[in-house]
Amino acid sequence: MSPRSNVSRLRRTVVAATAAAAVATAGLSALTATAAQAAAGCRVDYAVSSQWSGGFGATVTVTNLGDPVSSWDLRWTFPNGQSVQQAWNATVSTIGSQVSAKNVGWNGSLGTGASAQFGFNGSWSGSNGVPASFTLNGTTCTGGVTQPTTQPTTQPTTQPTTQPTTQPTTPPVSSSQFYVDPETAAYAAWQAASGNDKNLLAKIALTPQALWIGDWASAAETQATVRDYTGRARTAGKTAQIVVYAIPGRDCGSYSGGGVATSEYARWVDTVAAGIQGNPWVVLEPDALAQLGDCAGQGDRVGFLQYAAKSLTAKGARVYIDAGNSAWLSASEAANRLNRVGFSDAVGFSLNVSNYRTTAEAKAYGQEISRLTGGKRFVIDTSRNGNGASGSEWCNPRGRALGDKPVAVNDGSGLDALLWIKRPGESDGTCNGGPSAGAWWQEIALELARNAKW
């Protein structure tokens, strides 16, 4: 088991989280009421930076050519019925084809000659013509528009190239209900790649997967990360996925050994839970129940899981307690341990996290556990199970493949969803030639994608 840490992301400032939370829909009437006095002059540069079937990304730069303003409200009309689906660095609202984009808190003040830039993902059908004119606080602006001459074969990143580094990026539009995080190692690798490698890495980078949080950053830093990530997901209208991985005595000292001190775990959970925005799905402590009693330093592990489920649920999370995989505990023993923790707060359990058992095997195992736990729901990690397991080998086995894409399930079986809980391409540990646990390993990422059956 590896703690899919991304230290640089965990150290993003609270400013980034605040900026992400500010991107929300507001009414045009409210925007009109709060607009600053009209600018004496302005320029707008509107660039369609990327375009694909049914969608496009655009970057808009507005420059104030008049007196300083304390806030701005940029308006235009789409000529072909396009619509804005999500935006960053501006609050965007629409009535039909009429669009109003207003500053967020940090970029409202524009001195003479100063510029602000924001971007958005939009949808189009038939034609994607550019707006003919813009107004800034009621003043008609000069400026120009640009549009790509060709359409990319794969959907590109839509992050503005001049966007401040402390502001959030925006993922491509996804048909899944789950959130695609553009700040993963896979996403960065996909952006940097070219040719067939880029096409292969897109399978990972553009698929929703979970954010792992643990003791590799302070509780306050982790709270800021959770607030930022869940805020971005909520703004995008998607469901965030989080793995909580900080139980005392974690991984019994193996590749992902560690965890919060027994005296600090409850406080750590409460601090992190306070950062939750919306209603993320949370997988609670992979392997914790499967390793119950296997090593010293675990403290009251059952009590810790009970407390964490209660604290996280109280903040809006949908919690699944991890129960290992079908090659570890018998269904009766997994159910026994889950029942010891109880389901007064958690909605169910998770299976196959970071493992390779087939979906069919995991589902049958989950149904038996569900029967023994009073019909509790479950989720399955399918991130790397496309070729099934390689015997009992679990640490960076070769020849594996990406599994089924994440999707919610409602087939009467008790299965809630197939999820990518483990992040494909991130190492299980220093085994079979891999880097440290959680580090990006492009060689095995490409292998997983190349072997995928889709």
Protein backbone atom coordinates (compact mmCIF):
# COMPACT_ATOMS: atom_id res chain seq x y z
CA MET A 1 0.00 0.00 0.00
CA SER A 2 1.42 3.37 -0.85
CA PRO A 3 0.49 6.84 0.42
CA ARG A 4 -0.03 8.58 -2.92
CA SER A 5 1.47 11.80 -1.61
CA ASN A 6 2.12 14.92 -3.60
CA VAL A 7 4.06 17.16 -1.26
CA SER A 8 4.03 20.19 -3.50
CA ARG A 9 0.27 20.07 -3.75
CA LEU A 10 -0.13 19.61 0.01
CA ARG A 11 1.73 22.87 0.47
CA ARG A 12 -0.53 24.97 -1.69
CA THR A 13 -1.61 28.05 0.19
CA VAL A 14 -5.06 28.67 1.58
CA VAL A 15 -5.19 31.49 -0.95
CA ALA A 16 -5.48 28.86 -3.68
CA ALA A 17 -8.36 27.20 -1.88
CA THR A 18 -10.14 30.50 -1.38
CA ALA A 19 -9.77 31.38 -5.06
CA ALA A 20 -11.14 27.97 -6.08
CA ALA A 21 -14.18 28.32 -3.81
CA ALA A 22 -14.94 31.76 -5.25
CA VAL A 23 -15.76 30.35 -8.71
CA ALA A 24 -19.56 29.98 -8.46
CA THR A 25 -22.71 30.92 -10.34
CA ALA A 26 -24.48 34.18 -9.54
CA GLY A 27 -27.46 36.01 -11.03
CA LEU A 28 -27.01 38.73 -13.63
CA SER A 29 -29.07 41.12 -11.58
CA ALA A 30 -26.75 40.76 -8.60
CA LEU A 31 -23.74 41.36 -10.81
CA THR A 32 -25.28 44.54 -12.18
CA ALA A 33 -25.99 45.83 -8.69
CA THR A 34 -22.39 45.46 -7.53
CA ALA A 35 -20.48 46.55 -10.66
CA ALA A 36 -17.95 49.34 -10.23
CA GLN A 37 -18.35 52.58 -12.13
CA ALA A 38 -17.92 52.23 -15.88
CA ALA A 39 -14.37 52.20 -17.18
CA ALA A 40 -13.44 54.94 -19.65
CA GLY A 41 -11.84 52.40 -21.99
CA CYS A 42 -10.96 48.73 -22.18
CA ARG A 43 -9.51 46.01 -24.37
CA VAL A 44 -10.48 42.34 -24.49
CA ASP A 45 -8.52 39.48 -26.00
CA TYR A 46 -10.66 36.36 -26.35
CA ALA A 47 -8.81 33.19 -27.41
CA VAL A 48 -10.33 29.79 -28.12
CA SER A 49 -7.33 27.91 -26.81
CA SER A 50 -8.59 24.38 -27.48
CA GLN A 51 -11.56 22.74 -29.18
CA TRP A 52 -12.96 19.21 -29.36
CA SER A 53 -16.19 17.57 -30.36
CA GLY A 54 -18.94 19.38 -28.46
CA GLY A 55 -16.62 21.39 -26.25
CA PHE A 56 -13.97 24.05 -26.15
CA GLY A 57 -11.71 25.97 -23.81
CA ALA A 58 -11.21 29.72 -23.92
CA THR A 59 -8.97 32.27 -22.26
CA VAL A 60 -10.13 35.87 -21.84
CA THR A 61 -7.82 38.77 -21.00
CA VAL A 62 -9.39 42.10 -20.08
CA THR A 63 -7.29 45.28 -19.88
CA ASN A 64 -8.52 48.48 -18.23
CA LEU A 65 -7.60 51.53 -20.38
CA GLY A 66 -9.44 54.02 -18.21
CA ASP A 67 -9.48 55.10 -14.57
CA PRO A 68 -8.76 52.47 -11.89
CA VAL A 69 -11.72 50.26 -10.94
CA SER A 70 -12.23 48.21 -7.79
CA SER A 71 -14.28 45.47 -9.47
CA TRP A 72 -15.21 44.46 -12.98
CA ASP A 73 -18.11 42.91 -14.86
CA LEU A 74 -17.34 41.76 -18.42
CA ARG A 75 -20.28 40.91 -20.70
CA TRP A 76 -20.75 39.41 -24.13
CA THR A 77 -23.22 37.43 -26.24
CA PHE A 78 -22.39 34.09 -27.83
CA PRO A 79 -23.33 34.12 -31.53
CA ASN A 80 -24.16 30.41 -31.93
CA GLY A 81 -25.83 29.39 -28.70
CA GLN A 82 -22.69 28.23 -26.91
CA SER A 83 -22.72 27.94 -23.13
CA VAL A 84 -20.21 28.11 -20.29
CA GLN A 85 -19.90 24.85 -18.33
CA GLN A 86 -17.24 25.80 -15.76
CA ALA A 87 -14.92 28.73 -15.17
CA TRP A 88 -11.86 29.70 -13.17
CA ASN A 89 -10.59 33.07 -11.92
CA ALA A 90 -14.03 34.63 -12.56
CA THR A 91 -17.64 34.20 -11.44
CA VAL A 92 -19.65 33.49 -14.57
CA SER A 93 -23.42 33.55 -15.00
CA THR A 94 -25.55 33.27 -18.11
CA ILE A 95 -29.05 34.04 -19.37
CA GLY A 96 -29.47 32.28 -22.70
CA SER A 97 -26.51 33.33 -24.87
CA GLN A 98 -25.74 36.39 -22.72
CA VAL A 99 -22.76 35.97 -20.45
CA SER A 100 -21.52 37.98 -17.49
CA ALA A 101 -18.08 37.31 -16.00
CA LYS A 102 -17.26 39.09 -12.76
CA ASN A 103 -13.99 39.20 -10.85
CA VAL A 104 -13.36 36.97 -7.87
CA GLY A 105 -12.08 38.48 -4.65
CA TRP A 106 -8.39 38.54 -5.42
CA ASN A 107 -8.42 40.03 -8.97
CA GLY A 108 -11.06 42.78 -8.83
CA SER A 109 -8.80 45.82 -8.59
CA LEU A 110 -7.57 46.99 -12.01
CA GLY A 111 -5.44 50.10 -12.28
CA THR A 112 -5.03 52.00 -15.55
CA GLY A 113 -3.34 49.65 -18.01
CA ALA A 114 -3.72 46.63 -15.72
CA SER A 115 -5.09 43.30 -16.96
CA ALA A 116 -6.91 40.31 -15.54
CA GLN A 117 -7.21 36.90 -17.13
CA PHE A 118 -9.75 34.14 -16.64
CA GLY A 119 -10.80 31.05 -18.53
CA PHE A 120 -13.66 28.65 -19.01
CA ASN A 121 -14.80 25.40 -20.57
CA GLY A 122 -17.79 25.72 -22.86
CA SER A 123 -20.05 23.60 -25.04
CA TRP A 124 -21.01 24.15 -28.66
CA SER A 125 -22.97 22.45 -31.42
CA GLY A 126 -22.79 23.10 -35.15
CA SER A 127 -20.65 26.21 -35.00
CA ASN A 128 -18.36 27.87 -32.48
CA GLY A 129 -18.22 31.48 -33.59
CA VAL A 130 -16.56 34.07 -31.40
CA PRO A 131 -18.35 36.99 -29.70
CA ALA A 132 -18.51 40.20 -31.75
CA SER A 133 -18.15 42.66 -28.88
CA PHE A 134 -17.63 43.01 -25.13
CA THR A 135 -18.50 45.55 -22.46
CA LEU A 136 -16.60 46.21 -19.24
CA ASN A 137 -18.75 47.80 -16.54
CA GLY A 138 -20.99 49.10 -19.31
CA THR A 139 -18.24 50.42 -21.62
CA THR A 140 -17.75 48.86 -25.06
CA CYS A 141 -14.24 47.46 -25.44
CA THR A 142 -11.81 47.20 -28.32
CA GLY A 143 -9.74 44.04 -28.87
CA GLY A 144 -9.56 40.87 -30.90
CA VAL A 145 -10.29 37.17 -30.92
CA THR A 146 -8.31 34.11 -31.99
CA GLN A 147 -9.44 30.58 -32.72
CA PRO A 148 -7.49 27.36 -33.42
CA THR A 149 -7.30 26.27 -37.05
CA THR A 150 -7.32 22.55 -36.19
CA GLN A 151 -9.02 20.44 -33.58
CA PRO A 152 -6.82 18.36 -31.22
CA THR A 153 -7.35 14.60 -31.34
CA THR A 154 -7.41 14.40 -27.56
CA GLN A 155 -8.88 16.89 -25.18
CA PRO A 156 -6.08 19.20 -23.98
CA THR A 157 -5.48 20.98 -20.72
CA THR A 158 -7.32 24.26 -20.39
CA GLN A 159 -5.16 26.00 -17.84
CA PRO A 160 -4.30 29.55 -19.00
CA THR A 161 -0.59 29.79 -19.71
CA THR A 162 -0.28 33.01 -17.74
CA GLN A 163 -2.48 31.94 -14.83
CA PRO A 164 -0.81 32.75 -11.48
CA THR A 165 0.86 29.70 -9.95
CA THR A 166 -1.14 30.09 -6.73
CA GLN A 167 -4.46 29.72 -8.55
CA PRO A 168 -6.16 26.38 -9.32
CA THR A 169 -6.11 24.67 -12.68
CA THR A 170 -9.22 23.29 -14.32
CA PRO A 171 -9.78 19.74 -15.58
CA PRO A 172 -11.35 18.80 -18.90
CA VAL A 173 -15.05 18.07 -19.03
CA SER A 174 -15.75 14.50 -17.89
CA SER A 175 -18.89 12.45 -18.45
CA SER A 176 -18.32 10.73 -15.10
CA GLN A 177 -19.98 12.02 -11.93
CA PHE A 178 -16.53 11.89 -10.30
CA TYR A 179 -13.96 14.68 -10.40
CA VAL A 180 -10.86 14.70 -12.61
CA ASP A 181 -8.07 16.37 -10.66
CA PRO A 182 -5.67 18.28 -12.95
CA GLU A 183 -3.02 18.47 -10.24
CA THR A 184 -1.86 14.85 -10.23
CA ALA A 185 1.47 13.40 -11.31
CA ALA A 186 -0.36 11.60 -14.12
CA TYR A 187 -1.84 14.85 -15.42
CA ALA A 188 1.57 16.56 -15.42
CA ALA A 189 3.13 13.58 -17.21
CA TRP A 190 0.37 13.64 -19.84
CA GLN A 191 0.87 17.35 -20.46
CA ALA A 192 4.62 16.88 -20.92
CA ALA A 193 4.35 13.82 -23.19
CA SER A 194 4.03 13.63 -26.95
CA GLY A 195 3.10 11.10 -29.62
CA ASN A 196 1.72 7.73 -28.57
CA ASP A 197 2.92 8.20 -24.97
CA LYS A 198 0.59 11.18 -24.69
CA ASN A 199 -2.36 9.14 -25.95
CA LEU A 200 -1.59 6.36 -23.48
CA LEU A 201 -1.10 8.68 -20.50
CA ALA A 202 -4.38 10.42 -21.32
CA LYS A 203 -6.14 7.19 -20.28
CA ILE A 204 -4.87 7.76 -16.75
CA ALA A 205 -4.70 11.56 -16.50
CA LEU A 206 -8.25 12.16 -17.73
CA THR A 207 -9.88 9.48 -15.56
CA PRO A 208 -11.27 10.39 -12.10
CA GLN A 209 -9.22 9.01 -9.22
CA ALA A 210 -8.86 9.61 -5.51
CA LEU A 211 -6.76 12.10 -3.57
CA TRP A 212 -4.72 10.37 -0.84
CA ILE A 213 -4.12 12.25 2.40
CA GLY A 214 -1.99 11.20 5.35
CA ASP A 215 0.71 12.15 7.82
CA TRP A 216 3.22 13.38 5.22
CA ALA A 217 2.04 16.93 5.85
CA SER A 218 0.75 18.74 8.92
CA ALA A 219 -2.94 18.55 9.75
CA ALA A 220 -3.35 22.24 8.86
CA GLU A 221 -1.67 21.76 5.46
CA THR A 222 -3.78 18.69 4.79
CA GLN A 223 -6.94 20.58 5.71
CA ALA A 224 -6.03 23.28 3.18
CA THR A 225 -5.45 20.61 0.54
CA VAL A 226 -8.81 18.98 1.25
CA ARG A 227 -10.58 22.35 1.18
CA ASP A 228 -8.97 23.23 -2.15
CA TYR A 229 -9.59 19.85 -3.79
CA THR A 230 -13.18 19.38 -2.62
CA GLY A 231 -13.93 23.03 -3.41
CA ARG A 232 -12.75 22.59 -6.99
CA ALA A 233 -14.82 19.42 -7.35
CA ARG A 234 -17.92 21.12 -5.98
CA THR A 235 -17.46 24.08 -8.31
CA ALA A 236 -17.21 21.67 -11.25
CA GLY A 237 -20.40 19.92 -10.14
CA LYS A 238 -18.52 16.64 -9.60
CA THR A 239 -17.97 14.22 -6.72
CA ALA A 240 -14.54 14.27 -5.08
CA GLN A 241 -12.88 11.04 -3.89
CA ILE A 242 -10.54 10.98 -0.89
CA VAL A 243 -8.52 8.23 0.75
CA VAL A 244 -7.75 8.84 4.43
CA TYR A 245 -4.48 7.04 5.19
CA ALA A 246 -3.02 8.03 8.56
CA ILE A 247 -4.07 5.32 11.03
CA PRO A 248 -1.50 4.68 13.82
CA GLY A 249 0.74 1.73 12.95
CA ARG A 250 -0.08 2.06 9.25
CA ASP A 251 1.09 -0.75 6.97
CA CYS A 252 2.84 -2.39 9.97
CA GLY A 253 6.04 -0.55 9.07
CA SER A 254 6.26 -1.83 5.49
CA TYR A 255 6.72 0.33 2.37
CA SER A 256 4.00 2.75 3.47
CA GLY A 257 4.66 2.51 7.18
CA GLY A 258 3.83 5.45 9.43
CA GLY A 259 0.64 7.06 10.60
CA VAL A 260 -0.37 9.67 13.15
CA ALA A 261 0.44 9.07 16.82
CA THR A 262 -2.30 7.32 18.79
CA SER A 263 -2.72 10.42 20.97
CA GLU A 264 -3.19 12.67 17.92
CA TYR A 265 -5.33 10.67 15.50
CA ALA A 266 -8.75 11.96 16.60
CA ARG A 267 -7.53 15.56 16.52
CA TRP A 268 -5.92 15.01 13.10
CA VAL A 269 -9.16 13.60 11.69
CA ASP A 270 -11.22 16.50 13.06
CA THR A 271 -8.81 19.07 11.59
CA VAL A 272 -8.86 17.43 8.17
CA ALA A 273 -12.63 16.92 8.21
CA ALA A 274 -13.11 20.66 8.77
CA GLY A 275 -11.74 21.24 5.25
CA ILE A 276 -14.43 19.20 3.48
CA GLN A 277 -16.56 21.08 0.96
CA GLY A 278 -19.63 19.35 -0.45
CA ASN A 279 -20.11 15.60 -0.18
CA PRO A 280 -16.98 13.67 -1.17
CA TRP A 281 -16.76 9.89 -1.13
CA VAL A 282 -14.14 8.81 1.41
CA VAL A 283 -12.32 5.48 1.60
CA LEU A 284 -11.24 5.11 5.21
CA GLU A 285 -7.83 3.66 6.04
CA PRO A 286 -6.88 1.02 3.46
CA ASP A 287 -5.64 -2.24 4.99
CA ALA A 288 -6.35 -1.07 8.56
CA LEU A 289 -8.95 -3.76 9.27
CA ALA A 290 -7.15 -6.43 7.28
CA GLN A 291 -4.03 -5.83 9.42
CA LEU A 292 -5.94 -5.52 12.69
CA GLY A 293 -3.76 -6.92 15.48
CA ASP A 294 -0.89 -7.84 13.13
CA CYS A 295 1.65 -5.46 14.70
CA ALA A 296 2.29 -3.21 17.68
CA GLY A 297 1.47 0.49 17.80
CA GLN A 298 -2.10 0.25 16.55
CA GLY A 299 -3.78 1.51 19.72
CA ASP A 300 -7.57 1.22 19.72
CA ARG A 301 -7.83 0.71 15.96
CA VAL A 302 -11.52 -0.19 16.01
CA GLY A 303 -12.23 2.92 18.09
CA PHE A 304 -10.13 5.08 15.74
CA LEU A 305 -12.12 3.88 12.73
CA GLN A 306 -15.41 4.49 14.52
CA TYR A 307 -14.36 8.01 15.46
CA ALA A 308 -13.05 8.85 11.98
CA ALA A 309 -16.23 7.63 10.29
CA LYS A 310 -18.33 9.76 12.63
CA SER A 311 -16.19 12.91 12.25
CA LEU A 312 -15.97 12.71 8.44
CA THR A 313 -19.66 11.89 7.99
CA ALA A 314 -20.63 14.85 10.18
CA LYS A 315 -18.86 17.14 7.69
CA GLY A 316 -20.68 15.72 4.67
CA ALA A 317 -18.53 12.78 3.55
CA ARG A 318 -19.89 9.46 2.34
CA VAL A 319 -17.61 6.99 4.13
CA TYR A 320 -16.57 3.47 3.11
CA ILE A 321 -14.42 1.49 5.59
CA ASP A 322 -11.74 -0.50 3.80
CA ALA A 323 -11.94 -4.29 4.16
CA GLY A 324 -8.93 -5.48 2.15
CA ASN A 325 -9.31 -7.81 -0.82
CA SER A 326 -10.65 -11.24 -1.70
CA ALA A 327 -7.23 -12.90 -1.41
CA TRP A 328 -6.63 -11.65 2.14
CA LEU A 329 -9.46 -12.29 4.61
CA SER A 330 -12.34 -14.69 4.26
CA ALA A 331 -15.67 -12.97 3.67
CA SER A 332 -16.85 -14.04 7.12
CA GLU A 333 -13.76 -12.62 8.85
CA ALA A 334 -13.93 -9.36 6.86
CA ALA A 335 -17.61 -9.04 7.83
CA ASN A 336 -16.80 -9.81 11.46
CA ARG A 337 -14.22 -7.02 11.61
CA LEU A 338 -16.49 -4.56 9.82
CA ASN A 339 -19.31 -5.35 12.24
CA ARG A 340 -16.97 -4.68 15.17
CA VAL A 341 -16.50 -1.14 13.83
CA GLY A 342 -20.18 -0.85 12.93
CA PHE A 343 -22.03 1.22 10.38
CA SER A 344 -23.71 3.86 12.50
CA ASP A 345 -21.89 6.47 10.40
CA ALA A 346 -20.18 4.73 7.46
CA VAL A 347 -22.44 3.73 4.56
CA GLY A 348 -20.43 0.68 3.59
CA PHE A 349 -17.02 -0.78 2.79
CA SER A 350 -14.34 -0.71 0.10
CA LEU A 351 -12.51 -3.61 -1.57
CA ASN A 352 -9.43 -4.30 -3.71
CA VAL A 353 -7.69 -1.00 -2.92
CA SER A 354 -4.31 -1.00 -4.69
CA ASN A 355 -4.80 -4.66 -5.57
CA TYR A 356 -5.45 -6.54 -8.79
CA ARG A 357 -8.28 -8.99 -8.18
CA THR A 358 -10.76 -9.02 -11.07
CA THR A 359 -13.96 -7.04 -10.80
CA ALA A 360 -16.06 -10.22 -10.97
CA GLU A 361 -14.10 -11.83 -8.12
CA ALA A 362 -14.22 -8.68 -5.99
CA LYS A 363 -17.94 -8.23 -6.62
CA ALA A 364 -18.80 -11.78 -5.57
CA TYR A 365 -16.66 -11.32 -2.45
CA GLY A 366 -18.35 -8.01 -1.71
CA GLN A 367 -21.83 -9.46 -2.07
CA GLU A 368 -21.05 -12.15 0.51
CA ILE A 369 -19.65 -9.57 2.95
CA SER A 370 -22.69 -7.40 2.31
CA ARG A 371 -24.98 -10.32 3.20
CA LEU A 372 -23.09 -10.78 6.47
CA THR A 373 -23.21 -7.09 7.37
CA GLY A 374 -26.92 -6.53 6.94
CA GLY A 375 -26.82 -5.48 3.29
CA LYS A 376 -24.20 -2.75 3.49
CA ARG A 377 -23.07 -1.14 0.22
CA PHE A 378 -19.57 -1.43 -1.21
CA VAL A 379 -17.18 0.01 -3.80
CA ILE A 380 -14.40 -1.73 -5.76
CA ASP A 381 -11.03 -0.33 -6.83
CA THR A 382 -10.64 -1.22 -10.54
CA SER A 383 -7.69 1.05 -11.28
CA ARG A 384 -5.22 -1.74 -12.10
CA ASN A 385 -7.26 -4.96 -12.32
CA GLY A 386 -7.71 -5.13 -16.10
CA ASN A 387 -5.57 -8.28 -16.36
CA GLY A 388 -6.36 -9.62 -12.92
CA ALA A 389 -3.73 -10.52 -10.34
CA SER A 390 -0.29 -12.04 -10.87
CA GLY A 391 -0.58 -14.79 -8.29
CA SER A 392 -0.05 -13.37 -4.81
CA GLU A 393 2.30 -10.63 -6.02
CA TRP A 394 0.97 -7.22 -4.99
CA CYS A 395 3.97 -4.86 -5.12
CA ASN A 396 4.51 -3.42 -8.61
CA PRO A 397 3.71 -6.64 -10.50
CA ARG A 398 4.40 -6.39 -14.22
CA GLY A 399 2.01 -7.20 -17.04
CA ARG A 400 -1.01 -5.64 -15.36
CA ALA A 401 -3.57 -3.34 -17.02
CA LEU A 402 -5.92 -0.48 -16.25
CA GLY A 403 -9.35 -1.75 -15.28
CA ASP A 404 -12.90 -0.52 -15.84
CA LYS A 405 -13.38 3.23 -15.72
CA PRO A 406 -15.05 4.72 -12.62
CA VAL A 407 -18.82 4.58 -12.75
CA ALA A 408 -21.70 4.58 -10.30
CA VAL A 409 -23.58 1.27 -10.20
CA ASN A 410 -27.22 0.54 -9.32
CA ASP A 411 -27.81 -3.05 -10.37
CA GLY A 412 -29.32 -4.44 -7.17
CA SER A 413 -26.11 -6.24 -6.21
CA GLY A 414 -25.07 -3.93 -3.35
CA LEU A 415 -22.24 -2.46 -5.45
CA ASP A 416 -22.29 1.35 -5.30
CA ALA A 417 -19.49 2.10 -7.77
CA LEU A 418 -16.34 1.04 -9.55
CA LEU A 419 -13.65 3.56 -8.59
CA TRP A 420 -10.00 4.29 -9.24
CA ILE A 421 -8.92 4.48 -5.61
CA LYS A 422 -5.26 3.70 -6.19
CA ARG A 423 -3.62 6.13 -8.64
CA PRO A 424 -2.24 4.09 -11.55
CA GLY A 425 1.38 4.88 -12.33
CA GLU A 426 2.31 5.65 -8.73
CA SER A 427 4.67 3.08 -7.22
CA ASP A 428 3.71 0.58 -4.52
CA GLY A 429 7.22 0.85 -3.07
CA THR A 430 10.83 -0.03 -3.74
CA CYS A 431 10.09 -3.49 -5.10
CA ASN A 432 10.37 -4.96 -8.60
CA GLY A 433 12.50 -2.01 -9.63
CA GLY A 434 10.05 0.66 -8.48
CA PRO A 435 10.78 4.03 -6.86
CA SER A 436 9.60 4.90 -3.35
CA ALA A 437 5.95 4.40 -2.42
CA GLY A 438 3.72 7.02 -4.03
CA ALA A 439 6.33 8.24 -6.54
CA TRP A 440 5.38 8.52 -10.21
CA TRP A 441 6.78 5.66 -12.33
CA GLN A 442 6.17 6.41 -15.99
CA GLU A 443 7.39 3.05 -17.25
CA ILE A 444 4.71 1.13 -15.39
CA ALA A 445 2.09 3.79 -16.11
CA LEU A 446 2.60 3.31 -19.84
CA GLU A 447 2.51 -0.47 -19.40
CA LEU A 448 -0.82 -0.30 -17.56
CA ALA A 449 -2.32 1.96 -20.22
CA ARG A 450 -0.91 -0.07 -23.12
CA ASN A 451 -2.42 -3.27 -21.71
CA ALA A 452 -5.84 -1.75 -21.07
CA LYS A 453 -8.72 -3.33 -23.01
CA TRP A 454 -10.22 0.06 -23.86
